[in-house]
C-alpha atoms as a PDB file:
ATOM      1  CA  UNK A   1      49.006 122.444 182.892  1.00  0.00           C
ATOM      2  CA  UNK A   2      52.754 122.094 182.780  1.00  0.00           C
ATOM      3  CA  UNK A   3      54.804 123.544 179.964  1.00  0.00           C
ATOM      4  CA  UNK A   4      55.828 120.031 178.866  1.00  0.00           C
ATOM      5  CA  UNK A   5      52.205 118.826 178.611  1.00  0.00           C
ATOM      6  CA  UNK A   6      51.256 121.983 176.731  1.00  0.00           C
ATOM      7  CA  UNK A   7      53.999 121.377 174.126  1.00  0.00           C
ATOM      8  CA  UNK A   8      52.944 117.726 173.740  1.00  0.00           C
ATOM      9  CA  UNK A   9      49.309 118.707 173.222  1.00  0.00           C
ATOM     10  CA  UNK A  10      50.283 121.384 170.722  1.00  0.00           C
ATOM     11  CA  UNK A  11      52.350 118.843 168.754  1.00  0.00           C
ATOM     12  CA  UNK A  12      49.408 116.411 168.727  1.00  0.00           C
ATOM     13  CA  UNK A  13      47.139 119.117 167.351  1.00  0.00           C
ATOM     14  CA  UNK A  14      49.657 119.867 164.593  1.00  0.00           C
ATOM     15  CA  UNK A  15      49.957 116.178 163.706  1.00  0.00           C
ATOM     16  CA  UNK A  16      46.181 115.742 163.562  1.00  0.00           C
ATOM     17  CA  UNK A  17      45.905 118.883 161.451  1.00  0.00           C
ATOM     18  CA  UNK A  18      48.544 117.736 158.984  1.00  0.00           C
ATOM     19  CA  UNK A  19      46.941 114.271 158.802  1.00  0.00           C
ATOM     20  CA  UNK A  20      43.496 115.732 158.112  1.00  0.00           C
ATOM     21  CA  UNK A  21      45.019 117.973 155.430  1.00  0.00           C
ATOM     22  CA  UNK A  22      46.816 115.015 153.822  1.00  0.00           C
ATOM     23  CA  UNK A  23      43.605 112.946 153.821  1.00  0.00           C
ATOM     24  CA  UNK A  24      41.731 115.835 152.269  1.00  0.00           C
ATOM     25  CA  UNK A  25      44.368 116.063 149.556  1.00  0.00           C
ATOM     26  CA  UNK A  26      44.131 112.286 148.952  1.00  0.00           C
ATOM     27  CA  UNK A  27      40.339 112.510 148.541  1.00  0.00           C
ATOM     28  CA  UNK A  28      40.855 115.193 145.894  1.00  0.00           C
ATOM     29  CA  UNK A  29      43.479 113.165 144.010  1.00  0.00           C
ATOM     30  CA  UNK A  30      41.964 111.772 140.807  1.00  0.00           C
ATOM     31  CA  UNK A  31      42.619 108.362 139.212  1.00  0.00           C
ATOM     32  CA  UNK A  32      41.499 108.451 135.584  1.00  0.00           C
ATOM     33  CA  UNK A  33      40.768 104.735 135.118  1.00  0.00           C
ATOM     34  CA  UNK A  34      37.109 104.295 136.214  1.00  0.00           C
ATOM     35  CA  UNK A  35      37.597 100.683 137.390  1.00  0.00           C
ATOM     36  CA  UNK A  36      40.143 101.785 140.050  1.00  0.00           C
ATOM     37  CA  UNK A  37      38.948 105.323 140.768  1.00  0.00           C
ATOM     38  CA  UNK A  38      36.835 104.836 143.934  1.00  0.00           C
ATOM     39  CA  UNK A  39      39.664 104.969 146.503  1.00  0.00           C
ATOM     40  CA  UNK A  40      43.246 106.179 146.271  1.00  0.00           C
ATOM     41  CA  UNK A  41      46.197 106.624 148.587  1.00  0.00           C
ATOM     42  CA  UNK A  42      49.673 107.695 147.559  1.00  0.00           C
ATOM     43  CA  UNK A  43      51.493 110.425 145.706  1.00  0.00           C
ATOM     44  CA  UNK A  44      49.563 113.263 144.170  1.00  0.00           C
ATOM     45  CA  UNK A  45      50.476 116.103 141.810  1.00  0.00           C
ATOM     46  CA  UNK A  46      48.170 118.825 140.527  1.00  0.00           C
ATOM     47  CA  UNK A  47      45.131 116.838 141.644  1.00  0.00           C
ATOM     48  CA  UNK A  48      46.159 113.629 139.845  1.00  0.00           C
ATOM     49  CA  UNK A  49      47.653 110.383 141.150  1.00  0.00           C
ATOM     50  CA  UNK A  50      51.411 110.623 140.688  1.00  0.00           C
ATOM     51  CA  UNK A  51      54.324 108.547 141.979  1.00  0.00           C
ATOM     52  CA  UNK A  52      53.736 105.416 144.062  1.00  0.00           C
ATOM     53  CA  UNK A  53      50.177 104.702 145.096  1.00  0.00           C
ATOM     54  CA  UNK A  54      47.291 102.286 145.544  1.00  0.00           C
ATOM     55  CA  UNK A  55      43.968 102.676 143.763  1.00  0.00           C
ATOM     56  CA  UNK A  56      40.829 100.626 144.196  1.00  0.00           C
ATOM     57  CA  UNK A  57      37.387 100.284 142.698  1.00  0.00           C
ATOM     58  CA  UNK A  58      35.926  97.261 140.966  1.00  0.00           C
ATOM     59  CA  UNK A  59      39.579  96.370 140.286  1.00  0.00           C
ATOM     60  CA  UNK A  60      42.752  97.469 142.084  1.00  0.00           C
ATOM     61  CA  UNK A  61      46.250  98.657 141.181  1.00  0.00           C
ATOM     62  CA  UNK A  62      49.392  99.106 143.235  1.00  0.00           C
ATOM     63  CA  UNK A  63      52.452 100.732 141.728  1.00  0.00           C
ATOM     64  CA  UNK A  64      53.589 103.837 139.917  1.00  0.00           C
ATOM     65  CA  UNK A  65      51.281 106.537 138.557  1.00  0.00           C
ATOM     66  CA  UNK A  66      51.698 109.526 136.281  1.00  0.00           C
ATOM     67  CA  UNK A  67      49.015 112.132 135.557  1.00  0.00           C
ATOM     68  CA  UNK A  68      46.305 109.972 137.074  1.00  0.00           C
ATOM     69  CA  UNK A  69      47.119 106.761 135.200  1.00  0.00           C
ATOM     70  CA  UNK A  70      49.195 103.640 135.910  1.00  0.00           C
ATOM     71  CA  UNK A  71      52.585 104.474 134.441  1.00  0.00           C
ATOM     72  CA  UNK A  72      55.783 102.567 135.226  1.00  0.00           C
ATOM     73  CA  UNK A  73      55.979  99.364 137.236  1.00  0.00           C
ATOM     74  CA  UNK A  74      52.853  98.078 138.935  1.00  0.00           C
ATOM     75  CA  UNK A  75      50.436  95.234 139.604  1.00  0.00           C
ATOM     76  CA  UNK A  76      46.820  95.385 138.436  1.00  0.00           C
ATOM     77  CA  UNK A  77      44.241  92.966 139.855  1.00  0.00           C
ATOM     78  CA  UNK A  78      40.889  92.466 138.141  1.00  0.00           C
ATOM     79  CA  UNK A  79      37.675  91.598 139.991  1.00  0.00           C
ATOM     80  CA  UNK A  80      37.922  87.931 138.911  1.00  0.00           C
ATOM     81  CA  UNK A  81      41.411  87.598 140.438  1.00  0.00           C
ATOM     82  CA  UNK A  82      43.393  87.934 137.199  1.00  0.00           C
ATOM     83  CA  UNK A  83      46.616  89.895 137.737  1.00  0.00           C
ATOM     84  CA  UNK A  84      49.173  91.630 135.555  1.00  0.00           C
ATOM     85  CA  UNK A  85      52.553  92.554 137.014  1.00  0.00           C
ATOM     86  CA  UNK A  86      54.826  94.573 134.783  1.00  0.00           C
ATOM     87  CA  UNK A  87      55.227  97.882 132.979  1.00  0.00           C
ATOM     88  CA  UNK A  88      52.468 100.355 132.185  1.00  0.00           C
ATOM     89  CA  UNK A  89      52.351 103.384 129.890  1.00  0.00           C
ATOM     90  CA  UNK A  90      49.450 105.836 130.169  1.00  0.00           C
ATOM     91  CA  UNK A  91      47.151 103.276 131.773  1.00  0.00           C
ATOM     92  CA  UNK A  92      47.925 100.426 129.385  1.00  0.00           C
ATOM     93  CA  UNK A  93      50.113  97.327 129.588  1.00  0.00           C
ATOM     94  CA  UNK A  94      53.213  98.270 127.648  1.00  0.00           C
ATOM     95  CA  UNK A  95      56.501  96.402 127.968  1.00  0.00           C
ATOM     96  CA  UNK A  96      57.544  93.257 129.781  1.00  0.00           C
ATOM     97  CA  UNK A  97      55.129  91.668 132.224  1.00  0.00           C
ATOM     98  CA  UNK A  98      53.397  88.576 133.588  1.00  0.00           C
ATOM     99  CA  UNK A  99      49.676  87.867 133.321  1.00  0.00           C
ATOM    100  CA  UNK A 100      48.198  85.267 135.711  1.00  0.00           C
ATOM    101  CA  UNK A 101      44.632  84.006 135.329  1.00  0.00           C
ATOM    102  CA  UNK A 102      42.706  80.884 136.300  1.00  0.00           C
ATOM    103  CA  UNK A 103      41.406  78.122 134.049  1.00  0.00           C
ATOM    104  CA  UNK A 104      39.399  75.355 135.725  1.00  0.00           C
ATOM    105  CA  UNK A 105      40.674  76.551 139.080  1.00  0.00           C
ATOM    106  CA  UNK A 106      44.342  76.393 138.113  1.00  0.00           C
ATOM    107  CA  UNK A 107      46.723  79.292 137.480  1.00  0.00           C
ATOM    108  CA  UNK A 108      47.699  79.934 133.880  1.00  0.00           C
ATOM    109  CA  UNK A 109      50.718  82.174 133.373  1.00  0.00           C
ATOM    110  CA  UNK A 110      51.591  84.271 130.308  1.00  0.00           C
ATOM    111  CA  UNK A 111      54.967  86.019 130.326  1.00  0.00           C
ATOM    112  CA  UNK A 112      56.235  88.274 127.568  1.00  0.00           C
ATOM    113  CA  UNK A 113      55.778  91.707 126.042  1.00  0.00           C
ATOM    114  CA  UNK A 114      52.726  93.928 125.606  1.00  0.00           C
ATOM    115  CA  UNK A 115      52.053  97.036 123.534  1.00  0.00           C
ATOM    116  CA  UNK A 116      48.938  99.141 124.131  1.00  0.00           C
ATOM    117  CA  UNK A 117      47.333  96.233 126.066  1.00  0.00           C
ATOM    118  CA  UNK A 118      48.021  93.836 123.159  1.00  0.00           C
ATOM    119  CA  UNK A 119      50.197  90.781 123.748  1.00  0.00           C
ATOM    120  CA  UNK A 120      53.169  90.659 121.352  1.00  0.00           C
ATOM    121  CA  UNK A 121      54.710  87.358 122.408  1.00  0.00           C
ATOM    122  CA  UNK A 122      57.379  85.872 124.645  1.00  0.00           C
ATOM    123  CA  UNK A 123      60.106  87.715 122.755  1.00  0.00           C
ATOM    124  CA  UNK A 124      59.774  91.096 121.112  1.00  0.00           C
ATOM    125  CA  UNK A 125      60.757  91.264 117.470  1.00  0.00           C
ATOM    126  CA  UNK A 126      63.151  94.041 116.516  1.00  0.00           C
ATOM    127  CA  UNK A 127      61.984  96.383 113.722  1.00  0.00           C
ATOM    128  CA  UNK A 128      64.816  94.988 111.583  1.00  0.00           C
ATOM    129  CA  UNK A 129      67.948  92.885 111.867  1.00  0.00           C
ATOM    130  CA  UNK A 130      71.102  92.400 109.821  1.00  0.00           C
ATOM    131  CA  UNK A 131      71.536  88.791 108.733  1.00  0.00           C
ATOM    132  CA  UNK A 132      74.844  89.129 106.870  1.00  0.00           C
ATOM    133  CA  UNK A 133      77.172  91.804 105.526  1.00  0.00           C
ATOM    134  CA  UNK A 134      80.264  91.268 103.392  1.00  0.00           C
ATOM    135  CA  UNK A 135      82.522  94.082 102.140  1.00  0.00           C
ATOM    136  CA  UNK A 136      80.072  96.683 103.461  1.00  0.00           C
ATOM    137  CA  UNK A 137      81.846  99.698 104.949  1.00  0.00           C
ATOM    138  CA  UNK A 138      78.738 101.405 106.332  1.00  0.00           C
ATOM    139  CA  UNK A 139      74.979 101.061 106.104  1.00  0.00           C
ATOM    140  CA  UNK A 140      71.750 102.514 107.446  1.00  0.00           C
ATOM    141  CA  UNK A 141      68.171 101.236 107.714  1.00  0.00           C
ATOM    142  CA  UNK A 142      65.544 103.852 108.590  1.00  0.00           C
ATOM    143  CA  UNK A 143      61.759 103.844 108.670  1.00  0.00           C
ATOM    144  CA  UNK A 144      60.473 106.844 106.719  1.00  0.00           C
ATOM    145  CA  UNK A 145      56.747 106.345 107.386  1.00  0.00           C
ATOM    146  CA  UNK A 146      54.138 103.794 108.466  1.00  0.00           C
ATOM    147  CA  UNK A 147      52.479 103.731 105.030  1.00  0.00           C
ATOM    148  CA  UNK A 148      53.005 102.139 101.588  1.00  0.00           C
ATOM    149  CA  UNK A 149      54.992  98.961 102.517  1.00  0.00           C
ATOM    150  CA  UNK A 150      58.029  99.794 100.398  1.00  0.00           C
ATOM    151  CA  UNK A 151      61.799  99.284 100.702  1.00  0.00           C
ATOM    152  CA  UNK A 152      64.059 101.771  98.905  1.00  0.00           C
ATOM    153  CA  UNK A 153      67.699 100.796  98.408  1.00  0.00           C
ATOM    154  CA  UNK A 154      70.530 103.192  97.574  1.00  0.00           C
ATOM    155  CA  UNK A 155      74.160 102.232  96.935  1.00  0.00           C
ATOM    156  CA  UNK A 156      77.014 104.613  97.743  1.00  0.00           C
ATOM    157  CA  UNK A 157      80.775 104.726  97.342  1.00  0.00           C
ATOM    158  CA  UNK A 158      82.892 107.394  99.018  1.00  0.00           C
ATOM    159  CA  UNK A 159      79.762 109.399  99.831  1.00  0.00           C
ATOM    160  CA  UNK A 160      78.363 109.433  96.273  1.00  0.00           C
ATOM    161  CA  UNK A 161      75.993 107.213  94.325  1.00  0.00           C
ATOM    162  CA  UNK A 162      77.892 104.113  93.237  1.00  0.00           C
ATOM    163  CA  UNK A 163      77.805 103.892  89.433  1.00  0.00           C
ATOM    164  CA  UNK A 164      80.550 101.221  89.175  1.00  0.00           C
ATOM    165  CA  UNK A 165      78.257  98.256  89.795  1.00  0.00           C
ATOM    166  CA  UNK A 166      78.121  94.938  87.969  1.00  0.00           C
ATOM    167  CA  UNK A 167      76.051  91.772  88.424  1.00  0.00           C
ATOM    168  CA  UNK A 168      73.513  93.421  90.706  1.00  0.00           C
ATOM    169  CA  UNK A 169      70.874  91.045  92.118  1.00  0.00           C
ATOM    170  CA  UNK A 170      68.029  91.660  94.541  1.00  0.00           C
ATOM    171  CA  UNK A 171      66.417  88.622  96.186  1.00  0.00           C
ATOM    172  CA  UNK A 172      63.380  88.864  98.500  1.00  0.00           C
ATOM    173  CA  UNK A 173      60.525  86.828  99.986  1.00  0.00           C
ATOM    174  CA  UNK A 174      57.651  88.731  98.397  1.00  0.00           C
ATOM    175  CA  UNK A 175      56.736  91.975  96.637  1.00  0.00           C
ATOM    176  CA  UNK A 176      57.580  93.555  93.281  1.00  0.00           C
ATOM    177  CA  UNK A 177      60.946  94.984  92.258  1.00  0.00           C
ATOM    178  CA  UNK A 178      61.176  98.452  90.759  1.00  0.00           C
ATOM    179  CA  UNK A 179      63.846 101.003  89.805  1.00  0.00           C
ATOM    180  CA  UNK A 180      63.714 104.789  89.960  1.00  0.00           C
ATOM    181  CA  UNK A 181      66.802 106.750  88.961  1.00  0.00           C
ATOM    182  CA  UNK A 182      69.697 105.709  91.203  1.00  0.00           C
ATOM    183  CA  UNK A 183      67.388 103.880  93.555  1.00  0.00           C
ATOM    184  CA  UNK A 184      66.261 100.247  93.501  1.00  0.00           C
ATOM    185  CA  UNK A 185      63.381  99.006  95.586  1.00  0.00           C
ATOM    186  CA  UNK A 186      60.642  96.554  96.442  1.00  0.00           C
ATOM    187  CA  UNK A 187      56.976  97.490  96.681  1.00  0.00           C
ATOM    188  CA  UNK A 188      53.690  95.738  97.612  1.00  0.00           C
ATOM    189  CA  UNK A 189      55.486  93.928 100.431  1.00  0.00           C
ATOM    190  CA  UNK A 190      53.871  91.733 103.067  1.00  0.00           C
ATOM    191  CA  UNK A 191      56.019  91.990 106.206  1.00  0.00           C
ATOM    192  CA  UNK A 192      58.124  90.464 107.617  1.00  0.00           C
ATOM    193  CA  UNK A 193      60.378  90.221 104.576  1.00  0.00           C
ATOM    194  CA  UNK A 194      63.974  89.038 104.102  1.00  0.00           C
ATOM    195  CA  UNK A 195      66.124  90.749 101.469  1.00  0.00           C
ATOM    196  CA  UNK A 196      69.507  89.945  99.942  1.00  0.00           C
ATOM    197  CA  UNK A 197      71.440  92.562  97.961  1.00  0.00           C
ATOM    198  CA  UNK A 198      74.544  91.446  96.078  1.00  0.00           C
ATOM    199  CA  UNK A 199      76.731  93.094  93.458  1.00  0.00           C
ATOM    200  CA  UNK A 200      80.296  93.543  92.240  1.00  0.00           C
ATOM    201  CA  UNK A 201      81.972  96.958  92.406  1.00  0.00           C
ATOM    202  CA  UNK A 202      85.286  98.729  91.812  1.00  0.00           C
ATOM    203  CA  UNK A 203      87.361 100.159  94.625  1.00  0.00           C
ATOM    204  CA  UNK A 204      87.787 103.925  94.989  1.00  0.00           C
ATOM    205  CA  UNK A 205      90.959 104.022  92.842  1.00  0.00           C
ATOM    206  CA  UNK A 206      89.319 101.819  90.211  1.00  0.00           C
ATOM    207  CA  UNK A 207      92.216  99.341  90.342  1.00  0.00           C
ATOM    208  CA  UNK A 208      90.369  96.224  91.504  1.00  0.00           C
ATOM    209  CA  UNK A 209      86.879  94.765  91.981  1.00  0.00           C
ATOM    210  CA  UNK A 210      85.241  92.971  94.889  1.00  0.00           C
ATOM    211  CA  UNK A 211      81.896  91.368  95.736  1.00  0.00           C
ATOM    212  CA  UNK A 212      79.405  92.934  98.140  1.00  0.00           C
ATOM    213  CA  UNK A 213      76.652  91.079 100.006  1.00  0.00           C
ATOM    214  CA  UNK A 214      74.112  92.624 102.358  1.00  0.00           C
ATOM    215  CA  UNK A 215      71.253  90.580 103.829  1.00  0.00           C
ATOM    216  CA  UNK A 216      68.603  91.915 106.201  1.00  0.00           C
ATOM    217  CA  UNK A 217      65.099  91.232 107.530  1.00  0.00           C
ATOM    218  CA  UNK A 218      62.470  93.908 108.198  1.00  0.00           C
ATOM    219  CA  UNK A 219      59.587  92.987 110.514  1.00  0.00           C
ATOM    220  CA  UNK A 220      57.463  96.146 110.691  1.00  0.00           C
ATOM    221  CA  UNK A 221      55.227  97.431 107.856  1.00  0.00           C
ATOM    222  CA  UNK A 222      55.945 100.837 106.386  1.00  0.00           C
ATOM    223  CA  UNK A 223      58.292 102.664 104.037  1.00  0.00           C
ATOM    224  CA  UNK A 224      61.937 101.817 104.689  1.00  0.00           C
ATOM    225  CA  UNK A 225      65.092 103.415 103.303  1.00  0.00           C
ATOM    226  CA  UNK A 226      68.222 101.297 103.120  1.00  0.00           C
ATOM    227  CA  UNK A 227      71.664 102.643 102.186  1.00  0.00           C
ATOM    228  CA  UNK A 228      74.754 100.512 101.554  1.00  0.00           C
ATOM    229  CA  UNK A 229      78.172 102.106 101.379  1.00  0.00           C
ATOM    230  CA  UNK A 230      81.595 100.919 100.217  1.00  0.00           C
END
């Protein structure tokens, strides 16, 4: 056997060996979703599907994986032919995507946003939005917790509680108004809710007055803290 043929044969043996090793690693790579866990080919990390790959079982999925679950962009196909193409987080539809399924033999398409496999709608609603602000120097709207369904409102001037307020009014869609110390608020709210805060205040030098208007809408339930500064 010539030296050239020997080298070629040796290279073929190495290639076959590496291929067998790669296939063995693929067979040991786990996909955590039972419906697509029978066969897998693609990236693998610490024994779990990771990176780009294709998994098949009763259903199939082609796309990105992380820690054994669809995570990132990918297309999932169910046994009945229904498909979802879009973003996944920890094995669940989460983000923008397109669902295609058949009704009476015709394709029906749903495009929009999902969260934890639940369809949110064609457009995702922001947690809150500012509808109008007039003579507001700074403001903040923060969610303190997911419980209680309350909005707490604090008014500031030059970094301190504003005590130079006249003609204060608080208008809202639903709930009950309450007051606690320097804080005004609304409780027993059914979200979404639109709120309008208006009042008259003095400037920092106490030489003139001006009107303040701040309108906002909050869409998510919970306890919210709103600060308005002048």
